[in-house]
Amino acid sequence: MQIERLVQMFFYIVNHGHVTARELSEYFHVSTRTIYRDINTLTIAGIPVLSTKGTGGGISVIEGYTIDKSLLSREEQQSVYQGLRILRAAKYPNAEAALSKISAVFRNAMEPKWLDVDFSHWGSDEKEKIKISDLQYAILNKHVIAFHYFNSELKHSERAIEPLRLVFKSHAWYIIGYCRHKEEIRTFRLSRIKRLQVTSEIFDRQLPSDDLPSAEYGEDRPGLVFKLKFSPEIAHRIYDEFQETQVSLGDDGNYYVYAPYELNNWTIHYLLSFGKYVEIVEPEAARAMLKERAAEIVKIYS
């Protein structure tokens, strides 16, 4: 425990430049006497930590002392740092401590103010943030997980899966694993997972390298190609949600999008979120389905 505290203390001092014994004692929850003993231990170990008394005094590392980091270029150091910031945003275990240490080691290469990563949506509270640590534990230690799941049709089911991989793709987190209900490898969107539990049951399975998992989320499955007409008033959202190659500007001033979707309730409800600014040009079955849903909405307010 003392060795771990000594390592953390050294990186804390390097990262902050100049600290007081009281500051360190509050941070590590030990007495100032213990702090001074630790400083003495670091000095005996050959680490040039200075302790000065009086006004303006404090604890610091001797000026000019650096940690050898020549194996990584400045760009590589920044890549490592950025990756750790992403892990911290994902609530990855120990990422905060690792980030603090790396910041100290690469302090001259870091430019933290330009990057801020947060995977939670606007207005979400702490309970809604993804519990990456639970899933990491389950995957690495091969524990079966159980949860309630709502698919793209909002149908509820209870699942038990053997988690094999955690994936972040196109705005969302997914868990890939062997679904015991479907008896095959499946992909589940984490935002649709509720009441996640890591069970004590251990499994023994690896993710097949040549196996493309089936999706439980509508947009990941192939379907019909929709031709959509969008009003220019909604142009900002079009480029947020569709690839540039899918969008073209028509001679009439409207935007046209070709995108693959399944013909189901999820697709229709998603397109309804664009309100009056979208029209389904093709397929005809989708036009009829959206018209029916719109009529049901009008009936509620009539």
C-alpha atoms as a PDB file:
ATOM      1  CA  MET A   1       0.000   0.000   0.000  1.00  0.00           C
ATOM      2  CA  GLN A   2       2.877   2.382   0.850  1.00  0.00           C
ATOM      3  CA  ILE A   3       4.652   1.642  -2.446  1.00  0.00           C
ATOM      4  CA  GLU A   4       1.482   2.423  -4.400  1.00  0.00           C
ATOM      5  CA  ARG A   5       1.064   5.675  -2.452  1.00  0.00           C
ATOM      6  CA  LEU A   6       4.694   6.620  -3.098  1.00  0.00           C
ATOM      7  CA  VAL A   7       4.284   6.127  -6.850  1.00  0.00           C
ATOM      8  CA  GLN A   8       1.034   8.095  -6.899  1.00  0.00           C
ATOM      9  CA  MET A   9       2.566  10.820  -4.757  1.00  0.00           C
ATOM     10  CA  PHE A  10       5.542  11.213  -7.077  1.00  0.00           C
ATOM     11  CA  PHE A  11       3.340  11.602 -10.148  1.00  0.00           C
ATOM     12  CA  TYR A  12       1.034  13.979  -8.259  1.00  0.00           C
ATOM     13  CA  ILE A  13       3.993  16.230  -7.384  1.00  0.00           C
ATOM     14  CA  VAL A  14       5.394  16.116 -10.925  1.00  0.00           C
ATOM     15  CA  ASN A  15       1.972  16.883 -12.391  1.00  0.00           C
ATOM     16  CA  HIS A  16       1.259  19.839 -10.071  1.00  0.00           C
ATOM     17  CA  GLY A  17       4.780  21.222  -9.908  1.00  0.00           C
ATOM     18  CA  HIS A  18       4.593  22.605  -6.369  1.00  0.00           C
ATOM     19  CA  VAL A  19       2.414  21.290  -3.516  1.00  0.00           C
ATOM     20  CA  THR A  20       2.181  21.490   0.243  1.00  0.00           C
ATOM     21  CA  ALA A  21       2.366  18.675   2.777  1.00  0.00           C
ATOM     22  CA  ARG A  22      -1.179  19.504   3.906  1.00  0.00           C
ATOM     23  CA  GLU A  23      -2.427  19.242   0.329  1.00  0.00           C
ATOM     24  CA  LEU A  24      -0.814  15.819  -0.025  1.00  0.00           C
ATOM     25  CA  SER A  25      -2.108  14.629   3.345  1.00  0.00           C
ATOM     26  CA  GLU A  26      -5.677  15.578   2.389  1.00  0.00           C
ATOM     27  CA  TYR A  27      -5.360  13.985  -1.040  1.00  0.00           C
ATOM     28  CA  PHE A  28      -3.950  10.678   0.265  1.00  0.00           C
ATOM     29  CA  HIS A  29      -5.895  10.699   3.553  1.00  0.00           C
ATOM     30  CA  VAL A  30      -2.812  10.357   5.761  1.00  0.00           C
ATOM     31  CA  SER A  31      -1.119  12.628   8.309  1.00  0.00           C
ATOM     32  CA  THR A  32       1.446  15.270   7.347  1.00  0.00           C
ATOM     33  CA  ARG A  33       3.999  13.293   9.380  1.00  0.00           C
ATOM     34  CA  THR A  34       3.393  10.312   7.079  1.00  0.00           C
ATOM     35  CA  ILE A  35       3.821  12.601   4.071  1.00  0.00           C
ATOM     36  CA  TYR A  36       7.228  13.772   5.274  1.00  0.00           C
ATOM     37  CA  ARG A  37       8.286  10.171   5.907  1.00  0.00           C
ATOM     38  CA  ASP A  38       7.209   9.301   2.345  1.00  0.00           C
ATOM     39  CA  ILE A  39       9.166  12.245   0.950  1.00  0.00           C
ATOM     40  CA  ASN A  40      12.229  11.052   2.822  1.00  0.00           C
ATOM     41  CA  THR A  41      11.717   7.554   1.369  1.00  0.00           C
ATOM     42  CA  LEU A  42      11.527   8.966  -2.168  1.00  0.00           C
ATOM     43  CA  THR A  43      14.726  10.951  -1.576  1.00  0.00           C
ATOM     44  CA  ILE A  44      16.577   7.867  -0.311  1.00  0.00           C
ATOM     45  CA  ALA A  45      15.386   6.040  -3.439  1.00  0.00           C
ATOM     46  CA  GLY A  46      17.218   8.634  -5.542  1.00  0.00           C
ATOM     47  CA  ILE A  47      14.228  10.714  -6.641  1.00  0.00           C
ATOM     48  CA  PRO A  48      15.107  14.425  -6.225  1.00  0.00           C
ATOM     49  CA  VAL A  49      12.086  15.603  -4.230  1.00  0.00           C
ATOM     50  CA  LEU A  50      12.693  18.895  -2.417  1.00  0.00           C
ATOM     51  CA  SER A  51      10.949  20.058   0.737  1.00  0.00           C
ATOM     52  CA  THR A  52      11.315  23.703   1.776  1.00  0.00           C
ATOM     53  CA  LYS A  53       9.847  25.460   4.796  1.00  0.00           C
ATOM     54  CA  GLY A  54       8.554  28.957   5.350  1.00  0.00           C
ATOM     55  CA  THR A  55       6.527  31.350   3.198  1.00  0.00           C
ATOM     56  CA  GLY A  56       6.347  30.077  -0.355  1.00  0.00           C
ATOM     57  CA  GLY A  57       7.764  26.746   0.715  1.00  0.00           C
ATOM     58  CA  GLY A  58       6.438  23.333  -0.144  1.00  0.00           C
ATOM     59  CA  ILE A  59       7.276  20.117  -1.916  1.00  0.00           C
ATOM     60  CA  SER A  60       8.494  19.861  -5.506  1.00  0.00           C
ATOM     61  CA  VAL A  61      10.742  17.870  -7.793  1.00  0.00           C
ATOM     62  CA  ILE A  62      14.117  19.456  -8.531  1.00  0.00           C
ATOM     63  CA  GLU A  63      13.985  21.735 -11.567  1.00  0.00           C
ATOM     64  CA  GLY A  64      15.108  20.067 -14.765  1.00  0.00           C
ATOM     65  CA  TYR A  65      14.315  16.532 -13.602  1.00  0.00           C
ATOM     66  CA  THR A  66      12.397  14.619 -16.293  1.00  0.00           C
ATOM     67  CA  ILE A  67      11.262  11.073 -16.833  1.00  0.00           C
ATOM     68  CA  ASP A  68      12.700   9.320 -19.866  1.00  0.00           C
ATOM     69  CA  LYS A  69       9.977   9.377 -22.512  1.00  0.00           C
ATOM     70  CA  SER A  70      12.126   9.361 -25.623  1.00  0.00           C
ATOM     71  CA  LEU A  71      10.609   6.113 -26.897  1.00  0.00           C
ATOM     72  CA  LEU A  72       7.476   8.010 -27.942  1.00  0.00           C
ATOM     73  CA  SER A  73       7.270  11.006 -30.243  1.00  0.00           C
ATOM     74  CA  ARG A  74       5.211  14.058 -29.304  1.00  0.00           C
ATOM     75  CA  GLU A  75       2.405  12.897 -31.612  1.00  0.00           C
ATOM     76  CA  GLU A  76       2.467   9.406 -30.086  1.00  0.00           C
ATOM     77  CA  GLN A  77       2.361  10.872 -26.581  1.00  0.00           C
ATOM     78  CA  GLN A  78      -0.694  12.912 -27.528  1.00  0.00           C
ATOM     79  CA  SER A  79      -2.375   9.803 -28.974  1.00  0.00           C
ATOM     80  CA  VAL A  80      -1.833   7.927 -25.701  1.00  0.00           C
ATOM     81  CA  TYR A  81      -3.156  10.878 -23.714  1.00  0.00           C
ATOM     82  CA  GLN A  82      -6.235  11.289 -25.923  1.00  0.00           C
ATOM     83  CA  GLY A  83      -6.990   7.584 -25.669  1.00  0.00           C
ATOM     84  CA  LEU A  84      -6.914   7.761 -21.882  1.00  0.00           C
ATOM     85  CA  ARG A  85      -9.271  10.751 -21.900  1.00  0.00           C
ATOM     86  CA  ILE A  86     -11.713   8.715 -23.985  1.00  0.00           C
ATOM     87  CA  LEU A  87     -11.418   5.815 -21.536  1.00  0.00           C
ATOM     88  CA  ARG A  88     -12.055   8.173 -18.629  1.00  0.00           C
ATOM     89  CA  ALA A  89     -15.203   9.460 -20.363  1.00  0.00           C
ATOM     90  CA  ALA A  90     -16.325   5.855 -20.780  1.00  0.00           C
ATOM     91  CA  LYS A  91     -15.905   5.298 -17.024  1.00  0.00           C
ATOM     92  CA  TYR A  92     -13.139   2.780 -17.685  1.00  0.00           C
ATOM     93  CA  PRO A  93     -11.633   1.437 -14.430  1.00  0.00           C
ATOM     94  CA  ASN A  94      -8.454   3.200 -13.223  1.00  0.00           C
ATOM     95  CA  ALA A  95      -8.405   5.512 -16.250  1.00  0.00           C
ATOM     96  CA  GLU A  96      -8.337   8.593 -14.017  1.00  0.00           C
ATOM     97  CA  ALA A  97      -5.241   7.408 -12.155  1.00  0.00           C
ATOM     98  CA  ALA A  98      -3.515   6.384 -15.385  1.00  0.00           C
ATOM     99  CA  LEU A  99      -4.383   9.721 -16.969  1.00  0.00           C
ATOM    100  CA  SER A 100      -2.845  11.599 -14.040  1.00  0.00           C
ATOM    101  CA  LYS A 101       0.378   9.614 -14.310  1.00  0.00           C
ATOM    102  CA  ILE A 102       0.630   9.952 -18.087  1.00  0.00           C
ATOM    103  CA  SER A 103      -0.042  13.685 -17.784  1.00  0.00           C
ATOM    104  CA  ALA A 104       2.962  13.937 -15.503  1.00  0.00           C
ATOM    105  CA  VAL A 105       5.228  11.865 -17.716  1.00  0.00           C
ATOM    106  CA  PHE A 106       4.250  13.672 -20.927  1.00  0.00           C
ATOM    107  CA  ARG A 107       3.534  17.082 -19.390  1.00  0.00           C
ATOM    108  CA  ASN A 108       5.285  19.048 -22.143  1.00  0.00           C
ATOM    109  CA  ALA A 109       3.334  17.309 -24.895  1.00  0.00           C
ATOM    110  CA  MET A 110      -0.114  17.636 -23.371  1.00  0.00           C
ATOM    111  CA  GLU A 111      -2.676  20.143 -24.546  1.00  0.00           C
ATOM    112  CA  PRO A 112      -5.746  19.023 -22.563  1.00  0.00           C
ATOM    113  CA  LYS A 113      -7.898  22.106 -23.060  1.00  0.00           C
ATOM    114  CA  TRP A 114      -8.771  21.329 -26.680  1.00  0.00           C
ATOM    115  CA  LEU A 115     -10.277  17.889 -25.956  1.00  0.00           C
ATOM    116  CA  ASP A 116     -13.272  16.995 -23.801  1.00  0.00           C
ATOM    117  CA  VAL A 117     -15.010  13.640 -24.198  1.00  0.00           C
ATOM    118  CA  ASP A 118     -18.404  12.757 -22.746  1.00  0.00           C
ATOM    119  CA  PHE A 119     -20.422   9.829 -24.110  1.00  0.00           C
ATOM    120  CA  SER A 120     -23.584  10.670 -22.171  1.00  0.00           C
ATOM    121  CA  HIS A 121     -26.372  12.571 -23.901  1.00  0.00           C
ATOM    122  CA  TRP A 122     -27.307  16.149 -23.007  1.00  0.00           C
ATOM    123  CA  GLY A 123     -29.243  16.326 -19.741  1.00  0.00           C
ATOM    124  CA  SER A 124     -28.459  12.783 -18.607  1.00  0.00           C
ATOM    125  CA  ASP A 125     -27.737  12.054 -14.972  1.00  0.00           C
ATOM    126  CA  GLU A 126     -25.084   9.790 -13.523  1.00  0.00           C
ATOM    127  CA  LYS A 127     -27.396   6.758 -13.420  1.00  0.00           C
ATOM    128  CA  GLU A 128     -27.851   6.836 -17.182  1.00  0.00           C
ATOM    129  CA  LYS A 129     -24.153   6.725 -17.961  1.00  0.00           C
ATOM    130  CA  ILE A 130     -22.788   3.459 -19.265  1.00  0.00           C
ATOM    131  CA  LYS A 131     -21.350   1.141 -16.634  1.00  0.00           C
ATOM    132  CA  ILE A 132     -18.281   0.219 -18.633  1.00  0.00           C
ATOM    133  CA  SER A 133     -16.483  -1.139 -15.577  1.00  0.00           C
ATOM    134  CA  ASP A 134     -19.161  -3.797 -14.965  1.00  0.00           C
ATOM    135  CA  LEU A 135     -19.026  -4.938 -18.576  1.00  0.00           C
ATOM    136  CA  GLN A 136     -15.233  -4.913 -18.629  1.00  0.00           C
ATOM    137  CA  TYR A 137     -15.189  -7.121 -15.543  1.00  0.00           C
ATOM    138  CA  ALA A 138     -17.731  -9.503 -17.069  1.00  0.00           C
ATOM    139  CA  ILE A 139     -15.853  -9.798 -20.378  1.00  0.00           C
ATOM    140  CA  LEU A 140     -12.358 -10.226 -18.918  1.00  0.00           C
ATOM    141  CA  ASN A 141     -13.455 -12.628 -16.186  1.00  0.00           C
ATOM    142  CA  LYS A 142     -16.009 -14.443 -18.385  1.00  0.00           C
ATOM    143  CA  HIS A 143     -19.101 -13.872 -16.274  1.00  0.00           C
ATOM    144  CA  VAL A 144     -22.548 -14.323 -17.785  1.00  0.00           C
ATOM    145  CA  ILE A 145     -24.621 -11.121 -17.727  1.00  0.00           C
ATOM    146  CA  ALA A 146     -28.400 -10.857 -17.517  1.00  0.00           C
ATOM    147  CA  PHE A 147     -30.600  -7.923 -18.445  1.00  0.00           C
ATOM    148  CA  HIS A 148     -33.955  -6.710 -19.721  1.00  0.00           C
ATOM    149  CA  TYR A 149     -33.837  -5.690 -23.378  1.00  0.00           C
ATOM    150  CA  PHE A 150     -36.027  -3.546 -25.629  1.00  0.00           C
ATOM    151  CA  ASN A 151     -35.422  -4.180 -29.333  1.00  0.00           C
ATOM    152  CA  SER A 152     -36.089  -1.824 -32.256  1.00  0.00           C
ATOM    153  CA  GLU A 153     -39.790  -2.746 -32.136  1.00  0.00           C
ATOM    154  CA  LEU A 154     -39.794  -1.891 -28.401  1.00  0.00           C
ATOM    155  CA  LYS A 155     -40.569  -5.523 -27.566  1.00  0.00           C
ATOM    156  CA  HIS A 156     -39.364  -6.471 -24.106  1.00  0.00           C
ATOM    157  CA  SER A 157     -37.412  -9.640 -23.351  1.00  0.00           C
ATOM    158  CA  GLU A 158     -35.125 -10.993 -20.664  1.00  0.00           C
ATOM    159  CA  ARG A 159     -31.701 -12.098 -21.885  1.00  0.00           C
ATOM    160  CA  ALA A 160     -28.694 -13.939 -20.566  1.00  0.00           C
ATOM    161  CA  ILE A 161     -25.574 -13.596 -22.701  1.00  0.00           C
ATOM    162  CA  GLU A 162     -21.929 -14.524 -22.580  1.00  0.00           C
ATOM    163  CA  PRO A 163     -20.295 -11.099 -23.211  1.00  0.00           C
ATOM    164  CA  LEU A 164     -17.356 -11.211 -25.617  1.00  0.00           C
ATOM    165  CA  ARG A 165     -16.668  -7.685 -26.843  1.00  0.00           C
ATOM    166  CA  LEU A 166     -17.625  -4.073 -26.151  1.00  0.00           C
ATOM    167  CA  VAL A 167     -17.905  -1.848 -29.234  1.00  0.00           C
ATOM    168  CA  PHE A 168     -18.465   1.873 -29.779  1.00  0.00           C
ATOM    169  CA  LYS A 169     -19.846   2.460 -33.289  1.00  0.00           C
ATOM    170  CA  SER A 170     -21.721   5.328 -34.905  1.00  0.00           C
ATOM    171  CA  HIS A 171     -22.846   7.310 -31.822  1.00  0.00           C
ATOM    172  CA  ALA A 172     -23.569   4.309 -29.573  1.00  0.00           C
ATOM    173  CA  TRP A 173     -22.117   1.509 -27.433  1.00  0.00           C
ATOM    174  CA  TYR A 174     -22.863  -2.130 -28.236  1.00  0.00           C
ATOM    175  CA  ILE A 175     -22.133  -5.404 -26.487  1.00  0.00           C
ATOM    176  CA  ILE A 176     -21.415  -8.482 -28.600  1.00  0.00           C
ATOM    177  CA  GLY A 177     -21.970 -11.869 -27.034  1.00  0.00           C
ATOM    178  CA  TYR A 178     -23.499 -15.298 -27.253  1.00  0.00           C
ATOM    179  CA  CYS A 179     -27.238 -15.016 -26.579  1.00  0.00           C
ATOM    180  CA  ARG A 180     -28.500 -18.105 -24.813  1.00  0.00           C
ATOM    181  CA  HIS A 181     -32.083 -17.334 -25.845  1.00  0.00           C
ATOM    182  CA  LYS A 182     -31.307 -17.158 -29.592  1.00  0.00           C
ATOM    183  CA  GLU A 183     -28.380 -19.608 -29.347  1.00  0.00           C
ATOM    184  CA  GLU A 184     -26.106 -17.462 -31.527  1.00  0.00           C
ATOM    185  CA  ILE A 185     -23.738 -14.503 -31.418  1.00  0.00           C
ATOM    186  CA  ARG A 186     -25.781 -11.276 -31.165  1.00  0.00           C
ATOM    187  CA  THR A 187     -25.171  -7.542 -30.892  1.00  0.00           C
ATOM    188  CA  PHE A 188     -27.091  -5.473 -28.323  1.00  0.00           C
ATOM    189  CA  ARG A 189     -27.238  -1.698 -28.058  1.00  0.00           C
ATOM    190  CA  LEU A 190     -26.401  -0.675 -24.495  1.00  0.00           C
ATOM    191  CA  SER A 191     -28.973   2.125 -24.346  1.00  0.00           C
ATOM    192  CA  ARG A 192     -31.673  -0.548 -24.747  1.00  0.00           C
ATOM    193  CA  ILE A 193     -30.284  -2.658 -21.900  1.00  0.00           C
ATOM    194  CA  LYS A 194     -31.976  -2.216 -18.531  1.00  0.00           C
ATOM    195  CA  ARG A 195     -31.347  -3.798 -15.119  1.00  0.00           C
ATOM    196  CA  LEU A 196     -27.912  -5.115 -16.050  1.00  0.00           C
ATOM    197  CA  GLN A 197     -26.569  -7.776 -13.689  1.00  0.00           C
ATOM    198  CA  VAL A 198     -23.192  -9.485 -13.689  1.00  0.00           C
ATOM    199  CA  THR A 199     -23.879 -13.037 -12.486  1.00  0.00           C
ATOM    200  CA  SER A 200     -21.479 -15.394 -10.735  1.00  0.00           C
ATOM    201  CA  GLU A 201     -21.788 -17.969 -13.533  1.00  0.00           C
ATOM    202  CA  ILE A 202     -18.585 -18.479 -15.545  1.00  0.00           C
ATOM    203  CA  PHE A 203     -18.556 -19.316 -19.264  1.00  0.00           C
ATOM    204  CA  ASP A 204     -15.857 -20.528 -21.653  1.00  0.00           C
ATOM    205  CA  ARG A 205     -16.249 -19.104 -25.142  1.00  0.00           C
ATOM    206  CA  GLN A 206     -14.275 -16.951 -27.585  1.00  0.00           C
ATOM    207  CA  LEU A 207     -15.648 -14.589 -30.240  1.00  0.00           C
ATOM    208  CA  PRO A 208     -15.248 -16.316 -33.645  1.00  0.00           C
ATOM    209  CA  SER A 209     -13.016 -14.219 -35.902  1.00  0.00           C
ATOM    210  CA  ASP A 210     -15.019 -15.118 -39.009  1.00  0.00           C
ATOM    211  CA  ASP A 211     -18.477 -14.741 -37.501  1.00  0.00           C
ATOM    212  CA  LEU A 212     -20.542 -11.650 -38.274  1.00  0.00           C
ATOM    213  CA  PRO A 213     -22.921 -11.250 -35.317  1.00  0.00           C
ATOM    214  CA  SER A 214     -26.627 -10.732 -35.875  1.00  0.00           C
ATOM    215  CA  ALA A 215     -27.948  -7.408 -34.660  1.00  0.00           C
ATOM    216  CA  GLU A 216     -30.718  -6.740 -32.199  1.00  0.00           C
ATOM    217  CA  TYR A 217     -30.881  -3.141 -33.351  1.00  0.00           C
ATOM    218  CA  GLY A 218     -32.764  -2.215 -36.503  1.00  0.00           C
ATOM    219  CA  GLU A 219     -30.296   0.102 -38.200  1.00  0.00           C
ATOM    220  CA  ASP A 220     -27.571  -2.566 -38.269  1.00  0.00           C
ATOM    221  CA  ARG A 221     -29.573  -5.019 -40.376  1.00  0.00           C
ATOM    222  CA  PRO A 222     -29.874  -4.757 -44.166  1.00  0.00           C
ATOM    223  CA  GLY A 223     -33.260  -3.726 -45.540  1.00  0.00           C
ATOM    224  CA  LEU A 224     -34.967  -1.680 -48.232  1.00  0.00           C
ATOM    225  CA  VAL A 225     -33.374   1.405 -49.729  1.00  0.00           C
ATOM    226  CA  PHE A 226     -35.479   4.435 -48.811  1.00  0.00           C
ATOM    227  CA  LYS A 227     -35.555   7.559 -50.957  1.00  0.00           C
ATOM    228  CA  LEU A 228     -36.242  10.514 -48.679  1.00  0.00           C
ATOM    229  CA  LYS A 229     -36.888  14.168 -49.514  1.00  0.00           C
ATOM    230  CA  PHE A 230     -35.872  16.700 -46.873  1.00  0.00           C
ATOM    231  CA  SER A 231     -36.696  20.414 -46.736  1.00  0.00           C
ATOM    232  CA  PRO A 232     -33.654  22.729 -46.548  1.00  0.00           C
ATOM    233  CA  GLU A 233     -34.832  23.906 -43.098  1.00  0.00           C
ATOM    234  CA  ILE A 234     -33.625  20.594 -41.649  1.00  0.00           C
ATOM    235  CA  ALA A 235     -30.285  20.513 -43.496  1.00  0.00           C
ATOM    236  CA  HIS A 236     -28.243  20.746 -40.272  1.00  0.00           C
ATOM    237  CA  ARG A 237     -29.698  17.490 -39.000  1.00  0.00           C
ATOM    238  CA  ILE A 238     -29.325  15.695 -42.325  1.00  0.00           C
ATOM    239  CA  TYR A 239     -25.554  15.980 -42.221  1.00  0.00           C
ATOM    240  CA  ASP A 240     -25.548  14.977 -38.565  1.00  0.00           C
ATOM    241  CA  GLU A 241     -27.296  11.675 -39.241  1.00  0.00           C
ATOM    242  CA  PHE A 242     -26.444  10.613 -42.788  1.00  0.00           C
ATOM    243  CA  GLN A 243     -23.216  10.063 -44.673  1.00  0.00           C
ATOM    244  CA  GLU A 244     -22.269  12.708 -47.210  1.00  0.00           C
ATOM    245  CA  THR A 245     -22.398  10.125 -50.008  1.00  0.00           C
ATOM    246  CA  GLN A 246     -26.059   9.453 -49.196  1.00  0.00           C
ATOM    247  CA  VAL A 247     -27.106  13.101 -49.569  1.00  0.00           C
ATOM    248  CA  SER A 248     -27.627  15.137 -52.734  1.00  0.00           C
ATOM    249  CA  LEU A 249     -29.119  18.575 -53.359  1.00  0.00           C
ATOM    250  CA  GLY A 250     -31.941  18.527 -55.913  1.00  0.00           C
ATOM    251  CA  ASP A 251     -32.742  21.188 -58.513  1.00  0.00           C
ATOM    252  CA  ASP A 252     -35.889  21.992 -56.510  1.00  0.00           C
ATOM    253  CA  GLY A 253     -33.778  23.084 -53.497  1.00  0.00           C
ATOM    254  CA  ASN A 254     -34.654  20.010 -51.420  1.00  0.00           C
ATOM    255  CA  TYR A 255     -32.211  17.406 -50.185  1.00  0.00           C
ATOM    256  CA  TYR A 256     -32.539  13.787 -51.265  1.00  0.00           C
ATOM    257  CA  VAL A 257     -31.226  10.909 -49.195  1.00  0.00           C
ATOM    258  CA  TYR A 258     -30.885   7.245 -50.106  1.00  0.00           C
ATOM    259  CA  ALA A 259     -30.534   5.080 -47.002  1.00  0.00           C
ATOM    260  CA  PRO A 260     -31.152   1.387 -46.152  1.00  0.00           C
ATOM    261  CA  TYR A 261     -33.810   0.677 -43.513  1.00  0.00           C
ATOM    262  CA  GLU A 262     -36.070  -2.123 -42.489  1.00  0.00           C
ATOM    263  CA  LEU A 263     -39.775  -1.489 -42.988  1.00  0.00           C
ATOM    264  CA  ASN A 264     -40.818  -1.536 -39.359  1.00  0.00           C
ATOM    265  CA  ASN A 265     -42.130   0.655 -36.566  1.00  0.00           C
ATOM    266  CA  TRP A 266     -38.660   1.813 -35.501  1.00  0.00           C
ATOM    267  CA  THR A 267     -37.931   3.222 -38.964  1.00  0.00           C
ATOM    268  CA  ILE A 268     -41.287   4.971 -39.256  1.00  0.00           C
ATOM    269  CA  HIS A 269     -41.058   6.464 -35.770  1.00  0.00           C
ATOM    270  CA  TYR A 270     -37.525   7.669 -36.505  1.00  0.00           C
ATOM    271  CA  LEU A 271     -38.627   9.392 -39.732  1.00  0.00           C
ATOM    272  CA  LEU A 272     -41.575  10.951 -37.907  1.00  0.00           C
ATOM    273  CA  SER A 273     -39.039  12.683 -35.669  1.00  0.00           C
ATOM    274  CA  PHE A 274     -38.228  14.913 -38.666  1.00  0.00           C
ATOM    275  CA  GLY A 275     -41.840  16.162 -38.647  1.00  0.00           C
ATOM    276  CA  LYS A 276     -43.046  17.985 -41.731  1.00  0.00           C
ATOM    277  CA  TYR A 277     -39.521  18.348 -43.089  1.00  0.00           C
ATOM    278  CA  VAL A 278     -39.299  14.833 -44.552  1.00  0.00           C
ATOM    279  CA  GLU A 279     -41.256  12.947 -47.187  1.00  0.00           C
ATOM    280  CA  ILE A 280     -40.797   9.300 -48.058  1.00  0.00           C
ATOM    281  CA  VAL A 281     -40.589   9.126 -51.833  1.00  0.00           C
ATOM    282  CA  GLU A 282     -39.921   5.391 -51.973  1.00  0.00           C
ATOM    283  CA  PRO A 283     -40.882   2.671 -51.161  1.00  0.00           C
ATOM    284  CA  GLU A 284     -44.626   3.054 -51.448  1.00  0.00           C
ATOM    285  CA  ALA A 285     -45.280   0.661 -48.553  1.00  0.00           C
ATOM    286  CA  ALA A 286     -43.293   2.953 -46.274  1.00  0.00           C
ATOM    287  CA  ARG A 287     -45.255   6.000 -47.447  1.00  0.00           C
ATOM    288  CA  ALA A 288     -48.499   4.207 -46.592  1.00  0.00           C
ATOM    289  CA  MET A 289     -47.184   3.108 -43.205  1.00  0.00           C
ATOM    290  CA  LEU A 290     -46.064   6.619 -42.227  1.00  0.00           C
ATOM    291  CA  LYS A 291     -49.370   8.076 -43.448  1.00  0.00           C
ATOM    292  CA  GLU A 292     -51.221   5.612 -41.216  1.00  0.00           C
ATOM    293  CA  ARG A 293     -49.112   6.534 -38.178  1.00  0.00           C
ATOM    294  CA  ALA A 294     -49.589  10.252 -38.865  1.00  0.00           C
ATOM    295  CA  ALA A 295     -53.367   9.758 -39.085  1.00  0.00           C
ATOM    296  CA  GLU A 296     -53.312   7.981 -35.719  1.00  0.00           C
ATOM    297  CA  ILE A 297     -51.456  10.947 -34.207  1.00  0.00           C
ATOM    298  CA  VAL A 298     -53.945  13.440 -35.704  1.00  0.00           C
ATOM    299  CA  LYS A 299     -56.815  11.381 -34.300  1.00  0.00           C
ATOM    300  CA  ILE A 300     -55.399  11.760 -30.793  1.00  0.00           C
ATOM    301  CA  TYR A 301     -55.449  15.578 -31.031  1.00  0.00           C
ATOM    302  CA  SER A 302     -58.692  15.984 -32.990  1.00  0.00           C
END
